[in-house]
């Protein structure tokens, strides 16, 4: 007898109430295993891959690609006993013993599944709501975190001791912590279940592969979309990736493009796209910042010829062999060093508690343009990194961001940000602060320009810097000193010895 379970969309981030379906990795009729990635969704923070909490057969996809789904609403129906042999045949070791338990904690189960690391060891779980604060080693099963910065698109966390009604009107203190209600599905005899046919469109625009295999592919530089999976249902195995990484290995699968944007309406010559996900969150954050923090922007033009000469020398140094040292890496190092002398730029204005919070660490945000919009992932403890370590971290961070694979936890709790507008050939700009931060530096394009050196006009490598800061925290003198320090370090890297 069929045992159909509905998997409700879990809360993949504190206060987030909905997510958009990006890609389904399965289709009706497919057999699925526990922890198998079945769907990719986009929240207001990032793209997230959700693992399946059950083993069974897909009966129906309850949400379409592009559809926004509220947290708690079912997105897929899975038959736990497709063979009709036993009610317990679909249970995994350690899984809930009863159907009631399995369905009642679907959200908590998927959170626990997503927390498993690449070697299969479970990561620590939070007690609240079944959410977790850890992630897979490859960063692709994103954390289902329960904490982050407040924004106008997310529900705000209550202060301690305050009872806040939930969506159903039940106080927070009386709500179950690991159960998500799901609709009751009437059972039917197996013979009465209609035959499931696969849809015409491809089931997955993102290939099926387990987290360790995804990490291996990333390490070897293999695009999984070009690999033919030899495992069950086309699952890509470690051997498939290693074969694809071998010298001269041909591409075996045609790359499937993502769903194209809607066409323009012939009548109006316009097209309309719903404001969702990263775009909505970015807009809300920028509006909040622009109208709450008094922005001041200062500019500085710098001769960075010595920095570019040092960059060339580092290219021949054994320690930097294979490392891409960009001007952004030098700017990141300069910001971290200059922040030591002007800690105000790395502080936070806490309006609620009436305090200025100074940080003894630098979580450096790097603004990155992606197909989904602007995201600002962080380099944690950037001030403790060497120039080489920063260069490696920045390369990994920007690559992951452009692929849309930045974990939600990697975009939280930044202290200061750099936006590299120079990569677009732009000289400078007036950047807007990220909410919760007090400064943001814009790095302009490096150009050959005439410059006066020892009384003579000579061609030099010149760059423009601009610094926006929160005038509630940073005074003009402090902002000017910080910008001058960054400029001095870029124009004469040897100055780092004096900091």
Protein backbone atom coordinates (compact mmCIF):
# COMPACT_ATOMS: atom_id res chain seq x y z
CA UNK A 1 0.00 0.00 0.00
CA UNK A 2 1.41 3.42 -0.92
CA UNK A 3 2.79 5.54 1.89
CA UNK A 4 2.91 9.04 0.42
CA UNK A 5 4.73 11.74 2.34
CA UNK A 6 4.81 15.44 1.51
CA UNK A 7 8.13 17.19 2.10
CA UNK A 8 7.45 20.79 3.22
CA UNK A 9 9.85 23.60 2.36
CA UNK A 10 12.07 24.00 5.46
CA UNK A 11 13.17 27.27 7.01
CA UNK A 12 16.61 27.69 5.42
CA UNK A 13 17.39 30.96 7.17
CA UNK A 14 16.21 32.84 10.25
CA UNK A 15 13.21 35.00 9.38
CA UNK A 16 12.99 33.96 5.72
CA UNK A 17 9.41 33.17 4.84
CA UNK A 18 9.67 31.99 1.22
CA UNK A 19 12.01 30.71 -1.46
CA UNK A 20 11.91 30.33 -5.22
CA UNK A 21 12.31 26.99 -6.97
CA UNK A 22 15.35 27.21 -9.27
CA UNK A 23 15.84 23.64 -10.50
CA UNK A 24 14.44 20.21 -9.81
CA UNK A 25 17.02 17.42 -9.77
CA UNK A 26 14.38 14.69 -9.92
CA UNK A 27 11.17 14.01 -11.82
CA UNK A 28 8.04 11.95 -11.07
CA UNK A 29 8.84 8.24 -11.09
CA UNK A 30 12.46 8.66 -9.93
CA UNK A 31 13.70 6.68 -6.95
CA UNK A 32 15.41 8.83 -4.32
CA UNK A 33 17.66 8.13 -1.37
CA UNK A 34 18.09 9.89 1.96
CA UNK A 35 20.46 12.88 1.60
CA UNK A 36 20.15 12.91 -2.20
CA UNK A 37 19.95 16.48 -3.55
CA UNK A 38 16.48 16.85 -5.05
CA UNK A 39 15.93 20.58 -5.58
CA UNK A 40 17.78 23.88 -5.76
CA UNK A 41 16.02 26.92 -4.30
CA UNK A 42 16.88 30.59 -4.07
CA UNK A 43 16.29 32.54 -0.89
CA UNK A 44 16.84 36.21 -0.22
CA UNK A 45 20.46 35.34 0.63
CA UNK A 46 21.69 32.66 -1.73
CA UNK A 47 21.00 29.54 -3.74
CA UNK A 48 20.54 26.45 -1.55
CA UNK A 49 20.45 22.75 -2.46
CA UNK A 50 18.01 20.70 -0.39
CA UNK A 51 18.61 17.00 0.38
CA UNK A 52 15.75 14.53 0.55
CA UNK A 53 14.74 13.39 4.06
CA UNK A 54 13.11 10.17 2.77
CA UNK A 55 13.88 7.14 0.66
CA UNK A 56 11.24 6.21 -1.84
CA UNK A 57 9.79 7.13 -5.23
CA UNK A 58 8.80 10.60 -6.41
CA UNK A 59 5.04 10.75 -6.94
CA UNK A 60 4.58 14.41 -7.79
CA UNK A 61 6.43 17.74 -7.88
CA UNK A 62 4.17 20.19 -6.07
CA UNK A 63 5.98 23.37 -7.12
CA UNK A 64 7.17 24.51 -10.54
CA UNK A 65 10.49 26.07 -11.50
CA UNK A 66 10.24 29.81 -10.91
CA UNK A 67 7.45 29.48 -8.35
CA UNK A 68 7.79 31.21 -4.97
CA UNK A 69 6.86 28.84 -2.13
CA UNK A 70 6.20 29.79 1.47
CA UNK A 71 8.05 27.97 4.23
CA UNK A 72 6.02 25.00 5.46
CA UNK A 73 4.19 24.39 2.17
CA UNK A 74 4.80 20.97 0.57
CA UNK A 75 7.02 20.94 -2.52
CA UNK A 76 7.26 17.23 -3.37
CA UNK A 77 5.32 14.01 -2.71
CA UNK A 78 7.29 10.81 -2.14
CA UNK A 79 5.98 7.26 -1.82
CA UNK A 80 7.95 5.64 1.00
CA UNK A 81 6.87 2.11 -0.01
CA UNK A 82 6.66 2.00 -3.82
CA UNK A 83 6.86 -1.79 -3.85
CA UNK A 84 3.99 -2.04 -1.38
CA UNK A 85 5.84 -4.61 0.69
CA UNK A 86 6.21 -3.05 4.12
CA UNK A 87 5.55 0.18 5.95
CA UNK A 88 9.06 0.00 7.36
CA UNK A 89 10.90 -0.84 4.14
CA UNK A 90 11.77 2.77 3.41
CA UNK A 91 13.27 3.51 6.80
CA UNK A 92 16.94 4.35 7.01
CA UNK A 93 19.00 3.27 10.00
CA UNK A 94 18.43 5.88 12.65
CA UNK A 95 15.34 7.28 10.89
CA UNK A 96 12.00 7.80 12.70
CA UNK A 97 10.32 4.52 13.49
CA UNK A 98 6.79 5.55 12.57
CA UNK A 99 5.21 7.36 9.64
CA UNK A 100 3.88 9.96 12.04
CA UNK A 101 7.39 10.70 13.31
CA UNK A 102 8.84 10.76 9.80
CA UNK A 103 6.31 13.26 8.57
CA UNK A 104 6.20 15.36 11.70
CA UNK A 105 9.86 16.32 11.67
CA UNK A 106 10.49 16.70 7.96
CA UNK A 107 11.98 20.14 8.35
CA UNK A 108 14.29 19.09 11.15
CA UNK A 109 15.31 15.93 9.28
CA UNK A 110 16.35 17.77 6.13
CA UNK A 111 18.31 20.23 8.24
CA UNK A 112 20.17 17.37 9.84
CA UNK A 113 20.78 15.77 6.45
CA UNK A 114 22.14 19.01 5.03
CA UNK A 115 24.51 19.28 7.96
CA UNK A 116 26.38 16.13 7.08
CA UNK A 117 29.93 16.74 6.02
CA UNK A 118 31.67 15.33 2.99
CA UNK A 119 32.78 12.18 4.81
CA UNK A 120 29.27 11.48 6.10
CA UNK A 121 29.84 12.54 9.71
CA UNK A 122 26.94 14.48 11.21
CA UNK A 123 27.58 18.09 12.10
CA UNK A 124 26.33 19.72 15.32
CA UNK A 125 22.70 20.77 15.16
CA UNK A 126 20.92 23.65 16.81
CA UNK A 127 18.06 22.87 19.12
CA UNK A 128 15.90 25.73 17.87
CA UNK A 129 13.53 24.73 15.11
CA UNK A 130 15.71 21.90 13.96
CA UNK A 131 18.01 24.36 12.17
CA UNK A 132 21.73 24.02 11.98
CA UNK A 133 24.82 26.14 11.80
CA UNK A 134 27.24 23.92 9.91
CA UNK A 135 27.75 23.06 6.26
CA UNK A 136 29.28 20.49 3.94
CA UNK A 137 33.02 20.72 3.40
CA UNK A 138 32.56 21.80 -0.23
CA UNK A 139 30.17 24.59 0.66
CA UNK A 140 27.57 23.32 -1.82
CA UNK A 141 25.02 21.96 0.63
CA UNK A 142 24.43 25.37 2.08
CA UNK A 143 23.86 25.81 5.77
CA UNK A 144 20.30 26.00 6.94
CA UNK A 145 21.33 28.70 9.34
CA UNK A 146 19.16 30.32 11.94
CA UNK A 147 20.92 33.60 12.40
CA UNK A 148 21.85 36.59 10.27
CA UNK A 149 21.51 40.35 9.81
CA UNK A 150 18.09 41.90 10.01
CA UNK A 151 16.56 43.27 6.83
CA UNK A 152 13.24 44.65 5.71
CA UNK A 153 12.49 41.42 3.86
CA UNK A 154 13.00 39.12 6.84
CA UNK A 155 11.10 38.79 10.07
CA UNK A 156 12.99 40.38 12.92
CA UNK A 157 14.07 38.29 15.87
CA UNK A 158 12.40 39.26 19.14
CA UNK A 159 14.34 40.56 22.10
CA UNK A 160 14.82 38.11 24.93
CA UNK A 161 11.74 37.61 27.05
CA UNK A 162 9.33 38.74 24.33
CA UNK A 163 6.67 36.34 23.11
CA UNK A 164 6.00 36.83 19.42
CA UNK A 165 3.06 35.11 17.72
CA UNK A 166 3.93 32.85 14.84
CA UNK A 167 2.13 32.78 11.52
CA UNK A 168 -0.56 30.67 13.09
CA UNK A 169 -0.99 32.97 16.09
CA UNK A 170 0.73 30.62 18.55
CA UNK A 171 3.32 32.21 20.86
CA UNK A 172 6.92 31.34 20.06
CA UNK A 173 7.39 29.68 23.46
CA UNK A 174 4.48 27.28 22.83
CA UNK A 175 5.42 26.27 19.31
CA UNK A 176 6.92 22.82 18.63
CA UNK A 177 10.59 23.23 17.80
CA UNK A 178 11.13 20.51 15.25
CA UNK A 179 7.79 19.78 13.64
CA UNK A 180 6.27 21.13 10.49
CA UNK A 181 2.63 20.40 9.82
CA UNK A 182 1.82 18.71 6.53
CA UNK A 183 -1.46 17.98 4.82
CA UNK A 184 -2.94 14.52 5.23
CA UNK A 185 -2.69 12.43 2.10
CA UNK A 186 -5.40 9.79 1.73
CA UNK A 187 -4.03 6.36 1.06
CA UNK A 188 -5.09 4.48 -2.04
CA UNK A 189 -4.43 0.93 -3.18
CA UNK A 190 -1.33 0.62 -5.30
CA UNK A 191 -3.38 -0.41 -8.32
CA UNK A 192 -5.46 2.76 -8.08
CA UNK A 193 -2.47 5.05 -8.30
CA UNK A 194 -2.31 6.53 -11.80
CA UNK A 195 0.74 5.79 -13.88
CA UNK A 196 3.30 8.57 -13.51
CA UNK A 197 4.81 9.90 -16.72
CA UNK A 198 7.94 11.99 -16.90
CA UNK A 199 7.56 15.59 -18.05
CA UNK A 200 8.93 16.70 -21.42
CA UNK A 201 11.34 19.22 -19.96
CA UNK A 202 14.69 18.11 -18.46
CA UNK A 203 14.42 17.15 -14.81
CA UNK A 204 17.62 18.82 -13.71
CA UNK A 205 19.60 21.69 -15.07
CA UNK A 206 22.19 20.92 -12.41
CA UNK A 207 23.76 17.43 -12.60
CA UNK A 208 23.26 14.85 -9.87
CA UNK A 209 26.33 14.27 -7.72
CA UNK A 210 27.01 13.74 -4.04
CA UNK A 211 28.81 16.47 -2.04
CA UNK A 212 32.22 14.70 -1.94
CA UNK A 213 32.06 14.24 -5.71
CA UNK A 214 31.15 17.91 -6.19
CA UNK A 215 34.14 18.91 -4.08
CA UNK A 216 36.45 16.62 -6.07
CA UNK A 217 35.16 18.13 -9.32
CA UNK A 218 35.77 21.63 -7.98
CA UNK A 219 39.31 20.73 -6.90
CA UNK A 220 40.09 19.19 -10.30
CA UNK A 221 38.44 21.99 -12.26
CA UNK A 222 35.83 19.71 -13.84
CA UNK A 223 32.46 21.14 -14.91
CA UNK A 224 29.93 18.53 -13.76
CA UNK A 225 27.53 19.61 -16.49
CA UNK A 226 29.93 18.12 -19.05
CA UNK A 227 30.21 14.73 -17.31
CA UNK A 228 28.03 11.71 -18.06
CA UNK A 229 27.02 9.96 -14.84
CA UNK A 230 27.50 6.19 -14.72
CA UNK A 231 25.68 5.73 -11.42
CA UNK A 232 22.00 5.00 -10.78
CA UNK A 233 19.66 7.47 -12.50
CA UNK A 234 22.68 9.20 -14.07
CA UNK A 235 24.41 9.94 -10.74
CA UNK A 236 27.96 11.22 -11.32
CA UNK A 237 30.53 9.14 -9.44
CA UNK A 238 34.11 9.82 -8.34
CA UNK A 239 35.38 7.66 -11.20
CA UNK A 240 33.40 9.73 -13.72
CA UNK A 241 35.03 12.92 -12.46
CA UNK A 242 38.53 11.43 -12.48
CA UNK A 243 38.04 10.24 -16.08
CA UNK A 244 36.83 13.69 -17.11
CA UNK A 245 39.88 15.28 -15.45
CA UNK A 246 42.34 13.06 -17.32
CA UNK A 247 44.39 14.85 -20.01
CA UNK A 248 42.60 14.86 -23.36
CA UNK A 249 39.35 13.58 -21.91
CA UNK A 250 36.46 14.55 -24.23
CA UNK A 251 33.34 16.30 -23.04
CA UNK A 252 30.62 13.64 -22.84
CA UNK A 253 27.51 15.66 -22.12
CA UNK A 254 26.24 18.80 -23.76
CA UNK A 255 25.99 21.67 -21.29
CA UNK A 256 22.35 22.41 -20.54
CA UNK A 257 21.74 26.16 -20.24
CA UNK A 258 19.64 27.66 -17.51
CA UNK A 259 16.10 28.71 -18.26
CA UNK A 260 16.21 31.86 -20.38
CA UNK A 261 14.54 35.10 -19.34
CA UNK A 262 10.99 35.70 -20.58
CA UNK A 263 10.75 37.17 -24.06
CA UNK A 264 9.72 40.76 -24.63
CA UNK A 265 6.00 41.35 -25.15
CA UNK A 266 5.59 42.19 -28.88
CA UNK A 267 2.81 44.66 -28.11
CA UNK A 268 4.60 46.72 -25.46
CA UNK A 269 8.20 45.73 -26.29
CA UNK A 270 8.68 45.22 -22.56
CA UNK A 271 9.23 42.26 -20.29
CA UNK A 272 8.40 42.02 -16.60
CA UNK A 273 10.35 39.94 -14.09
CA UNK A 274 9.12 39.46 -10.49
CA UNK A 275 11.32 41.05 -7.82
CA UNK A 276 12.49 38.10 -5.75
CA UNK A 277 15.42 36.49 -4.02
CA UNK A 278 18.79 38.23 -4.04
CA UNK A 279 17.52 41.23 -6.03
CA UNK A 280 14.77 42.00 -3.49
CA UNK A 281 17.10 41.53 -0.52
CA UNK A 282 19.79 43.75 -2.07
CA UNK A 283 17.29 46.51 -2.83
CA UNK A 284 15.87 46.45 0.68
CA UNK A 285 19.34 46.53 2.25
CA UNK A 286 20.52 49.45 0.12
CA UNK A 287 17.38 51.49 0.82
CA UNK A 288 17.72 50.80 4.53
CA UNK A 289 21.38 51.84 4.48
CA UNK A 290 20.86 54.97 2.38
CA UNK A 291 18.12 56.32 4.63
CA UNK A 292 19.48 55.36 8.06
CA UNK A 293 23.25 55.95 7.90
CA UNK A 294 24.58 59.43 6.97
CA UNK A 295 26.96 58.65 4.11
CA UNK A 296 30.12 60.66 3.47
CA UNK A 297 32.36 59.83 0.49
CA UNK A 298 35.98 60.89 -0.02
CA UNK A 299 38.26 60.33 -3.02
CA UNK A 300 41.97 59.78 -3.49
CA UNK A 301 44.07 59.33 -6.66
CA UNK A 302 47.11 57.12 -6.13
CA UNK A 303 50.22 56.19 -8.11
CA UNK A 304 50.26 52.41 -7.74
CA UNK A 305 53.26 51.74 -9.99
CA UNK A 306 55.33 50.25 -7.10
CA UNK A 307 52.45 47.91 -6.26
CA UNK A 308 52.20 46.69 -9.86
CA UNK A 309 55.98 46.19 -9.98
CA UNK A 310 55.82 44.12 -6.79
CA UNK A 311 53.02 42.11 -8.32
CA UNK A 312 55.24 41.21 -11.27
CA UNK A 313 58.08 40.16 -8.97
CA UNK A 314 55.77 37.97 -6.91
CA UNK A 315 54.78 36.14 -10.09
CA UNK A 316 58.28 34.64 -10.23
CA UNK A 317 58.48 33.85 -6.51
CA UNK A 318 58.18 30.11 -5.72
CA UNK A 319 55.72 30.74 -2.87
CA UNK A 320 53.33 32.54 -5.21
CA UNK A 321 53.61 30.10 -8.11
CA UNK A 322 50.11 29.27 -9.34
CA UNK A 323 48.52 31.99 -7.19
CA UNK A 324 46.65 34.81 -8.91
CA UNK A 325 47.67 37.97 -7.04
CA UNK A 326 45.29 40.71 -8.19
CA UNK A 327 45.19 44.42 -7.30
CA UNK A 328 42.14 43.49 -5.20
CA UNK A 329 44.35 41.27 -3.04
CA UNK A 330 46.72 44.18 -2.40
CA UNK A 331 43.75 46.43 -1.59
CA UNK A 332 42.37 43.82 0.81
CA UNK A 333 45.69 43.60 2.64
CA UNK A 334 45.95 47.39 2.77
CA UNK A 335 42.42 47.71 4.22
CA UNK A 336 43.19 45.18 6.95
CA UNK A 337 46.43 46.94 7.90
CA UNK A 338 44.89 50.42 7.82
CA UNK A 339 41.94 49.30 9.96
CA UNK A 340 44.36 48.62 12.82
CA UNK A 341 45.22 52.32 12.97
CA UNK A 342 41.62 53.48 12.49
CA UNK A 343 39.42 50.87 14.20
CA UNK A 344 36.33 53.08 13.84
CA UNK A 345 35.94 52.06 10.18
CA UNK A 346 35.61 48.45 11.36
CA UNK A 347 33.00 49.23 14.04
CA UNK A 348 29.20 49.00 14.05
CA UNK A 349 26.53 51.48 15.14
CA UNK A 350 24.00 49.62 17.32
CA UNK A 351 20.91 51.84 17.41
CA UNK A 352 18.86 49.39 19.44
CA UNK A 353 21.29 49.14 22.35
CA UNK A 354 22.74 52.64 21.98
CA UNK A 355 26.31 51.39 21.54
CA UNK A 356 29.20 51.47 19.08
CA UNK A 357 30.55 47.95 18.74
CA UNK A 358 34.29 47.74 17.97
CA UNK A 359 35.58 44.52 16.40
CA UNK A 360 39.04 43.07 16.95
CA UNK A 361 38.61 40.99 13.80
CA UNK A 362 38.05 41.91 10.14
CA UNK A 363 35.42 39.95 8.22
CA UNK A 364 36.12 41.50 4.84
CA UNK A 365 33.20 41.68 2.42
CA UNK A 366 33.86 41.56 -1.33
CA UNK A 367 31.07 42.85 -3.55
CA UNK A 368 30.58 40.42 -6.44
CA UNK A 369 28.33 40.72 -9.47
CA UNK A 370 26.49 37.46 -10.23
CA UNK A 371 23.72 36.42 -12.63
CA UNK A 372 21.29 36.65 -9.68
CA UNK A 373 22.43 40.11 -8.65
CA UNK A 374 24.92 41.68 -6.25
CA UNK A 375 26.15 39.54 -3.37
CA UNK A 376 28.78 40.34 -0.74
CA UNK A 377 30.45 37.16 0.58
CA UNK A 378 32.95 37.55 3.41
CA UNK A 379 36.56 36.54 3.98
CA UNK A 380 36.56 35.58 7.65
CA UNK A 381 39.43 36.91 9.79
CA UNK A 382 41.04 38.51 6.76
CA UNK A 383 43.31 40.54 9.04
CA UNK A 384 45.07 37.32 10.10
CA UNK A 385 45.90 36.29 6.54
CA UNK A 386 49.07 36.83 4.57
CA UNK A 387 48.93 38.37 1.10
CA UNK A 388 49.15 34.92 -0.44
CA UNK A 389 46.35 33.56 1.73
CA UNK A 390 44.18 36.55 0.88
CA UNK A 391 44.79 36.06 -2.84
CA UNK A 392 43.74 32.39 -2.64
CA UNK A 393 40.70 33.17 -0.50
CA UNK A 394 39.55 35.94 -2.84
CA UNK A 395 39.86 33.72 -5.90
CA UNK A 396 37.78 30.96 -4.28
CA UNK A 397 35.24 33.43 -2.93
CA UNK A 398 34.59 35.23 -6.21
CA UNK A 399 34.44 32.00 -8.23
CA UNK A 400 31.90 30.49 -5.85
CA UNK A 401 29.83 33.68 -5.88
CA UNK A 402 29.67 33.86 -9.67
CA UNK A 403 28.56 30.22 -9.76
CA UNK A 404 25.75 31.11 -7.37
CA UNK A 405 27.02 28.65 -4.76
CA UNK A 406 27.83 30.99 -1.89
CA UNK A 407 26.46 29.54 1.35
CA UNK A 408 24.11 31.85 3.30
CA UNK A 409 26.45 31.79 6.31
CA UNK A 410 29.26 33.17 4.14
CA UNK A 411 27.34 36.41 3.55
CA UNK A 412 26.66 37.28 7.18
CA UNK A 413 28.38 39.46 9.76
CA UNK A 414 30.79 41.45 7.62
CA UNK A 415 32.68 44.36 9.18
CA UNK A 416 33.98 46.33 6.16
CA UNK A 417 33.64 45.91 2.38
CA UNK A 418 35.60 46.43 -0.84
CA UNK A 419 33.87 46.88 -4.20
CA UNK A 420 36.17 46.53 -7.20
CA UNK A 421 34.56 48.73 -9.87
CA UNK A 422 37.86 48.80 -11.74
CA UNK A 423 37.17 45.40 -13.31
CA UNK A 424 34.44 47.12 -15.34
CA UNK A 425 36.79 49.88 -16.49
CA UNK A 426 35.23 52.39 -14.09
CA UNK A 427 37.48 54.97 -12.43
CA UNK A 428 35.53 55.55 -9.22
CA UNK A 429 32.10 55.81 -7.62
CA UNK A 430 30.20 56.56 -4.42
CA UNK A 431 29.48 53.13 -2.92
CA UNK A 432 26.58 52.57 -0.51
CA UNK A 433 27.35 51.02 2.86
CA UNK A 434 26.23 47.52 3.65
CA UNK A 435 23.80 47.58 6.60
CA UNK A 436 25.65 47.06 9.88
CA UNK A 437 28.99 48.27 8.48
CA UNK A 438 30.64 51.67 8.80
CA UNK A 439 32.87 51.83 5.70
CA UNK A 440 33.16 50.59 2.13
CA UNK A 441 36.10 51.16 -0.23
CA UNK A 442 35.72 51.35 -4.02
CA UNK A 443 38.79 50.34 -6.05
CA UNK A 444 38.89 51.97 -9.49
CA UNK A 445 40.54 50.94 -12.73
CA UNK A 446 44.35 51.13 -12.95
CA UNK A 447 45.34 53.24 -15.94
CA UNK A 448 48.52 54.57 -17.56
CA UNK A 449 48.45 58.31 -16.89
CA UNK A 450 50.92 61.23 -16.86
CA UNK A 451 52.29 61.78 -13.35
CA UNK A 452 54.82 64.16 -11.88
CA UNK A 453 57.84 62.31 -10.40
CA UNK A 454 60.85 64.34 -9.18
CA UNK A 455 59.67 67.35 -11.14
CA UNK A 456 59.24 65.44 -14.42
CA UNK A 457 56.05 64.22 -16.09
CA UNK A 458 56.30 60.47 -16.69
CA UNK A 459 53.76 57.71 -17.42
CA UNK A 460 52.66 55.87 -14.27
CA UNK A 461 50.05 53.32 -13.17
CA UNK A 462 47.34 55.39 -11.48
CA UNK A 463 44.23 54.32 -9.59
CA UNK A 464 41.39 56.20 -7.92
CA UNK A 465 40.03 55.17 -4.53
CA UNK A 466 36.78 56.26 -2.92
CA UNK A 467 35.67 55.62 0.63
CA UNK A 468 32.11 55.93 1.91
CA UNK A 469 31.67 55.88 5.68
CA UNK A 470 28.96 56.25 8.31
CA UNK A 471 29.41 59.70 9.82
CA UNK A 472 27.74 58.56 13.05
CA UNK A 473 30.75 56.33 13.75
CA UNK A 474 33.55 57.74 11.62
CA UNK A 475 34.48 61.44 11.71
CA UNK A 476 36.05 63.20 8.75
CA UNK A 477 39.52 63.04 10.27
CA UNK A 478 39.28 59.29 10.87
CA UNK A 479 37.89 58.57 7.42
CA UNK A 480 40.56 60.71 5.78
CA UNK A 481 43.33 59.03 7.79
CA UNK A 482 42.11 55.56 6.84
CA UNK A 483 41.86 56.42 3.13
CA UNK A 484 45.32 58.03 3.20
CA UNK A 485 46.77 54.92 4.87
CA UNK A 486 45.27 52.62 2.22
CA UNK A 487 46.63 54.89 -0.51
CA UNK A 488 50.09 54.96 1.07
CA UNK A 489 50.22 51.17 1.25
CA UNK A 490 49.21 50.80 -2.40
CA UNK A 491 51.61 53.49 -3.64
CA UNK A 492 54.49 52.16 -1.53
CA UNK A 493 53.99 48.57 -0.29
CA UNK A 494 57.11 48.88 1.86
CA UNK A 495 55.04 51.14 4.17
CA UNK A 496 53.48 47.95 5.49
CA UNK A 497 56.66 47.52 7.55
CA UNK A 498 55.74 50.59 9.58
CA UNK A 499 52.15 49.57 10.42
